[in-house]
Protein backbone atom coordinates (compact mmCIF):
# COMPACT_ATOMS: atom_id res chain seq x y z
CA MET A 1 12.55 24.88 185.52
CA ALA A 2 10.64 21.88 185.74
CA VAL A 3 10.89 18.93 187.72
CA SER A 4 9.35 15.56 186.75
CA PRO A 5 8.02 13.95 189.60
CA ASP A 6 8.67 10.54 188.19
CA ALA A 7 12.39 11.94 188.02
CA LEU A 8 11.86 12.38 191.74
CA ALA A 9 10.45 9.49 193.06
CA ALA A 10 13.10 7.08 190.89
CA PHE A 11 15.96 10.00 192.01
CA ALA A 12 14.43 8.98 195.88
CA VAL A 13 15.36 5.08 195.12
CA PHE A 14 18.23 5.23 193.52
CA ALA A 15 19.59 7.57 196.28
CA GLU A 16 18.33 4.64 198.40
CA HIS A 17 20.70 1.80 197.16
CA LEU A 18 23.14 4.20 195.90
CA ASN A 19 23.47 1.23 192.60
CA PHE A 20 21.92 1.62 188.95
CA THR A 21 21.47 -1.96 188.93
CA ARG A 22 19.29 -2.50 192.20
CA ALA A 23 17.75 0.83 191.67
CA ALA A 24 16.41 -0.29 188.05
CA GLU A 25 15.28 -3.52 189.19
CA ARG A 26 13.58 -2.31 192.25
CA LEU A 27 11.60 0.62 189.54
CA ARG A 28 11.01 -2.12 186.90
CA ILE A 29 12.94 -0.17 184.59
CA SER A 30 16.16 -0.54 182.49
CA GLN A 31 19.65 0.52 184.07
CA PRO A 32 19.44 2.86 180.65
CA ALA A 33 16.07 4.57 181.19
CA LEU A 34 17.29 4.92 184.74
CA HIS A 35 20.62 6.60 184.11
CA VAL A 36 18.56 9.04 181.49
CA LYS A 37 16.24 9.83 184.28
CA ILE A 38 18.73 10.87 186.64
CA GLY A 39 20.66 12.65 184.34
CA LYS A 40 17.81 14.73 182.84
CA LEU A 41 17.07 15.71 186.60
CA ALA A 42 20.79 16.82 187.64
CA ARG A 43 20.49 18.66 184.22
CA GLU A 44 16.97 20.25 185.30
CA LEU A 45 18.52 21.18 188.35
CA ASP A 46 21.60 22.55 186.96
CA ARG A 47 23.45 20.55 189.95
CA PRO A 48 25.76 17.11 190.08
CA LEU A 49 23.30 14.82 192.55
CA TYR A 50 25.88 11.88 192.59
CA HIS A 51 29.76 11.41 192.18
CA ARG A 52 32.08 8.04 191.82
CA VAL A 53 34.25 7.57 195.49
CA GLY A 54 36.41 4.56 193.94
CA ARG A 55 33.96 1.90 193.39
CA ARG A 56 30.78 3.84 195.00
CA LEU A 57 28.59 5.80 194.03
CA VAL A 58 27.91 8.85 196.57
CA LEU A 59 25.37 11.78 196.75
CA THR A 60 26.58 15.05 196.63
CA PRO A 61 24.75 17.86 198.77
CA GLU A 62 22.97 18.64 196.56
CA GLY A 63 21.77 14.92 195.58
CA GLU A 64 21.44 14.53 199.24
CA ALA A 65 18.54 17.39 199.32
CA VAL A 66 16.85 16.41 196.14
CA ALA A 67 16.48 12.88 197.75
CA ARG A 68 15.14 14.38 200.92
CA PHE A 69 12.47 16.18 199.29
CA ALA A 70 11.58 13.95 196.79
CA ARG A 71 10.79 11.10 200.01
CA ALA A 72 9.14 14.40 202.14
CA HIS A 73 6.76 14.63 198.70
CA ASP A 74 6.01 11.21 198.51
CA GLU A 75 5.10 10.91 201.76
CA ARG A 76 2.88 13.92 201.56
CA LEU A 77 1.33 12.73 198.86
CA ALA A 78 0.48 9.05 200.30
CA GLN A 79 -0.87 11.09 203.09
CA PHE A 80 -2.89 12.91 200.97
CA LEU A 81 -4.48 10.35 199.52
CA ALA A 82 -5.13 8.14 202.59
CA GLU A 83 -6.74 11.51 203.96
CA PHE A 84 -8.82 11.41 200.61
CA ALA A 85 -9.73 8.34 201.03
CA GLY A 86 -10.86 8.47 204.56
CA ALA A 87 -8.56 6.04 205.92
CA ALA A 88 -5.23 6.52 208.12
CA PRO A 89 -1.88 7.44 206.53
CA ARG A 90 0.01 4.07 206.54
CA ARG A 91 3.59 5.01 205.92
CA PRO A 92 5.45 3.45 208.90
CA VAL A 93 8.27 6.17 211.14
CA VAL A 94 11.98 4.66 209.89
CA LEU A 95 14.86 4.21 211.95
CA ALA A 96 18.27 3.26 211.23
CA ALA A 97 20.81 2.09 214.11
CA GLY A 98 23.35 -0.15 214.22
CA GLN A 99 23.56 -3.57 216.24
CA GLY A 100 24.73 -2.50 219.82
CA ALA A 101 22.11 0.10 220.00
CA TYR A 102 19.33 -2.15 218.85
CA LEU A 103 21.06 -4.84 220.81
CA TYR A 104 21.61 -3.02 223.76
CA LEU A 105 19.16 0.20 224.16
CA LEU A 106 16.20 -0.15 221.73
CA GLY A 107 14.83 -3.17 222.24
CA ASP A 108 11.97 -2.44 225.03
CA THR A 109 11.00 0.64 222.59
CA ILE A 110 10.67 -1.23 219.61
CA ARG A 111 8.80 -4.42 221.65
CA ALA A 112 6.59 -1.48 222.81
CA VAL A 113 5.93 0.68 219.78
CA LEU A 114 5.38 -2.85 217.67
CA ALA A 115 2.92 -4.62 220.13
CA GLU A 116 1.00 -1.61 219.59
CA GLU A 117 0.92 -0.85 215.98
CA PRO A 118 2.89 -4.01 214.13
CA THR A 119 3.00 -1.49 211.12
CA ARG A 120 4.32 1.67 212.88
CA LEU A 121 7.94 1.35 212.11
CA ARG A 122 10.57 -0.38 209.99
CA LEU A 123 14.14 -0.48 211.07
CA ILE A 124 17.13 -0.14 208.98
CA ASN A 125 20.63 -2.24 210.27
CA CYS A 126 23.12 0.07 209.46
CA ASP A 127 27.13 1.68 210.40
CA HIS A 128 26.89 5.21 211.51
CA ARG A 129 28.27 7.16 208.02
CA GLN A 130 24.84 5.14 206.50
CA MET A 131 22.50 6.14 209.37
CA LEU A 132 23.60 9.56 208.79
CA ALA A 133 23.12 9.59 205.06
CA ALA A 134 19.83 7.55 205.88
CA VAL A 135 18.87 10.87 208.02
CA ARG A 136 19.63 13.50 205.41
CA THR A 137 18.39 11.97 202.54
CA GLY A 138 14.98 10.79 204.07
CA GLN A 139 15.35 7.26 203.90
CA ALA A 140 15.27 7.45 207.53
CA HIS A 141 13.11 9.85 209.86
CA LEU A 142 15.39 8.89 212.94
CA GLY A 143 18.81 7.67 213.53
CA VAL A 144 20.62 6.11 216.41
CA SER A 145 24.96 6.15 217.15
CA VAL A 146 28.32 6.76 218.53
CA LEU A 147 29.05 9.51 217.19
CA ASP A 148 32.71 11.30 216.98
CA VAL A 149 31.69 14.41 215.47
CA LEU A 150 28.33 15.84 215.71
CA PRO A 151 26.61 16.69 212.25
CA GLU A 152 25.04 20.74 211.92
CA ASP A 153 22.98 20.36 209.17
CA LEU A 154 20.65 17.82 211.73
CA THR A 155 19.05 18.01 215.39
CA VAL A 156 21.28 16.06 217.80
CA ALA A 157 20.28 14.61 221.89
CA GLU A 158 22.02 12.32 223.65
CA LEU A 159 20.56 9.50 224.81
CA ALA A 160 23.17 7.63 226.81
CA THR A 161 27.02 7.80 228.21
CA PHE A 162 28.73 4.38 228.77
CA PRO A 163 32.36 3.79 229.73
CA GLN A 164 34.95 2.05 227.54
CA MET A 165 35.45 -1.57 229.67
CA LEU A 166 37.57 -4.44 229.33
CA PHE A 167 36.13 -7.65 229.04
CA VAL A 168 38.76 -10.41 230.29
CA PRO A 169 38.68 -14.07 231.34
CA GLU A 170 37.73 -14.19 234.74
CA GLY A 171 41.01 -16.29 235.60
CA HIS A 172 43.04 -13.71 233.74
CA ARG A 173 45.71 -11.49 236.44
CA LEU A 174 43.74 -8.25 234.67
CA ALA A 175 40.06 -9.61 236.09
CA ARG A 176 41.51 -8.87 239.67
CA ARG A 177 42.05 -5.15 239.07
CA ARG A 178 38.85 -2.81 239.95
CA SER A 179 39.73 -0.74 236.75
CA VAL A 180 42.97 -0.70 234.25
CA GLY A 181 44.71 1.13 232.25
CA LEU A 182 45.91 1.49 228.45
CA ARG A 183 49.42 0.32 229.69
CA ASP A 184 48.16 -2.89 231.20
CA LEU A 185 47.31 -4.26 227.84
CA ASP A 186 50.91 -4.42 226.89
CA GLY A 187 51.55 -7.33 225.46
CA ALA A 188 48.14 -8.74 224.84
CA ARG A 189 46.17 -10.50 222.30
CA MET A 190 43.10 -8.47 221.55
CA VAL A 191 40.11 -9.27 219.92
CA VAL A 192 39.08 -6.33 217.64
CA PRO A 193 36.61 -4.99 214.35
CA PRO A 194 38.08 -5.34 211.78
CA GLN A 195 40.73 -2.35 210.56
CA HIS A 196 39.48 0.66 209.53
CA ARG A 197 36.36 0.38 211.93
CA PRO A 198 36.00 3.57 214.07
CA HIS A 199 36.30 1.70 217.21
CA ARG A 200 39.43 -0.29 215.67
CA VAL A 201 41.23 3.13 214.98
CA LEU A 202 40.72 5.01 217.85
CA LEU A 203 41.72 1.91 220.22
CA GLU A 204 44.88 1.36 218.07
CA GLN A 205 45.70 5.16 218.35
CA ALA A 206 44.83 5.24 222.28
CA LEU A 207 47.27 1.91 222.80
CA ARG A 208 49.92 3.67 220.55
CA ALA A 209 50.27 6.91 222.76
CA ALA A 210 49.87 4.78 225.69
CA GLY A 211 53.17 2.86 224.09
CA ALA A 212 51.56 -0.54 224.43
CA GLY A 213 52.56 -3.28 222.45
CA TRP A 214 49.59 -5.51 221.56
CA THR A 215 48.59 -7.90 218.49
CA VAL A 216 45.21 -8.93 217.19
CA ALA A 217 44.22 -12.68 218.16
CA VAL A 218 41.38 -12.35 216.05
CA GLU A 219 39.12 -9.73 214.27
CA ALA A 220 35.19 -9.91 214.71
CA GLU A 221 31.95 -8.25 213.57
CA GLY A 222 30.18 -7.00 216.10
CA TRP A 223 30.05 -7.38 220.06
CA PRO A 224 28.07 -10.18 220.39
CA LEU A 225 30.85 -12.26 218.82
CA ILE A 226 33.86 -10.26 220.20
CA ALA A 227 32.39 -11.03 223.73
CA GLN A 228 31.82 -14.64 222.94
CA PHE A 229 35.41 -14.87 221.28
CA VAL A 230 36.80 -13.49 224.98
CA ALA A 231 35.04 -16.00 226.70
CA LEU A 232 36.56 -18.69 224.53
CA GLY A 233 39.60 -17.55 225.67
CA VAL A 234 40.93 -16.24 222.43
CA GLY A 235 41.90 -12.99 223.58
CA LEU A 236 40.97 -9.94 225.85
CA ALA A 237 38.79 -7.18 224.19
CA VAL A 238 37.21 -3.63 224.54
CA VAL A 239 33.83 -2.94 224.37
CA ASN A 240 31.07 -0.48 224.95
CA GLY A 241 30.03 -0.36 228.59
CA CYS A 242 26.47 -0.92 227.71
CA VAL A 243 27.50 -4.62 226.26
CA PRO A 244 26.99 -7.31 229.35
CA PRO A 245 29.63 -9.18 229.98
CA PRO A 246 29.20 -13.49 228.66
CA ALA A 247 29.37 -16.51 231.98
CA GLY A 248 33.11 -16.50 232.48
CA VAL A 249 33.96 -12.88 231.43
CA VAL A 250 34.74 -9.44 233.68
CA ALA A 251 34.30 -6.03 232.85
CA ARG A 252 36.44 -3.90 233.55
CA PRO A 253 36.57 0.40 233.36
CA VAL A 254 39.49 1.58 231.40
CA ARG A 255 40.81 4.71 232.78
CA ASP A 256 42.33 6.09 229.63
CA LEU A 257 39.79 5.81 227.40
CA PRO A 258 37.10 8.40 226.43
CA PRO A 259 33.27 7.46 227.31
CA ILE A 260 30.80 6.29 224.67
CA THR A 261 28.04 8.49 223.81
CA TYR A 262 24.97 7.28 221.74
CA HIS A 263 22.99 10.01 220.03
CA LEU A 264 19.66 10.23 218.63
CA VAL A 265 19.51 12.30 215.24
CA HIS A 266 16.86 13.74 213.12
CA GLN A 267 16.37 16.37 210.81
CA PRO A 268 14.73 19.52 212.17
CA SER A 269 11.54 19.71 210.70
CA ALA A 270 11.46 16.00 211.71
CA MET A 271 9.25 16.86 214.78
CA SER A 272 6.44 19.02 212.88
CA ASP A 273 5.31 14.57 212.64
CA PRO A 274 3.58 13.60 215.65
CA ARG A 275 4.45 10.53 214.68
CA ILE A 276 8.19 10.81 214.67
CA THR A 277 7.98 13.04 217.73
CA GLY A 278 6.20 10.15 219.72
CA LEU A 279 8.84 7.76 218.78
CA ALA A 280 11.66 9.88 219.67
CA GLN A 281 10.15 10.77 222.93
CA ARG A 282 9.53 7.45 223.85
CA ILE A 283 13.43 6.46 222.96
CA LEU A 284 14.99 9.16 224.62
CA ALA A 285 12.67 8.16 227.97
CA ARG A 286 13.49 4.48 227.66
CA ALA A 287 17.31 5.40 227.22
């Protein structure tokens, strides 16, 4: 079996974008040429490397493994060339996380690391599915997110656990409670994430099970905007307990909802790199 290093490098870029047009532009080759490279690589390995789900391209497990190997090979080559030239390796540690983790968990660590060495860290902002894909394919060395199901193929460590909180304006009747139940939200107008977001799905299921009827006041992306809508009196919102309430809003724990846990994930072999180990330890210590 002969595998072209050039094809591996091209596949690593394709795996990052999962879009032939953008990947070809990044590689500065034509789209048909990229198709040929990846098709030849799949034939050489005798495995499908991606498939189509609706309009999206998704890597197969074999494709994830090839992308992970390609990126690891690229990093080892860059490290060797740097050492051969007598220079320090310059490839950064890549961290993938979502908005909530960056805003409320990782800020101090990122600030401290960048103050020590600005080129040491590269950040990817993504949802939890994209984070897992980035870690599995080697696009990211570390990932942080709330996980409903822990992946068996990755190493997982708990970072922090928070209760789920109800944000209510100070003058609302529920603001006088020390805690609330889901039945207390019967008839409420709610500020919620867009449909099919994990938080929205779980909240809808829990409210339905509790027999609480509610209506959508507005759909909003991201905790800061959701909190702002509550402050404006648009509706109530259930948020992760790490989110600070804005002025004029109080937070009350929701008794009927499970706590939310953020996790740190990485490849089992990642801790052989002292730079990745050091960043992981700092994230765990500060969380």
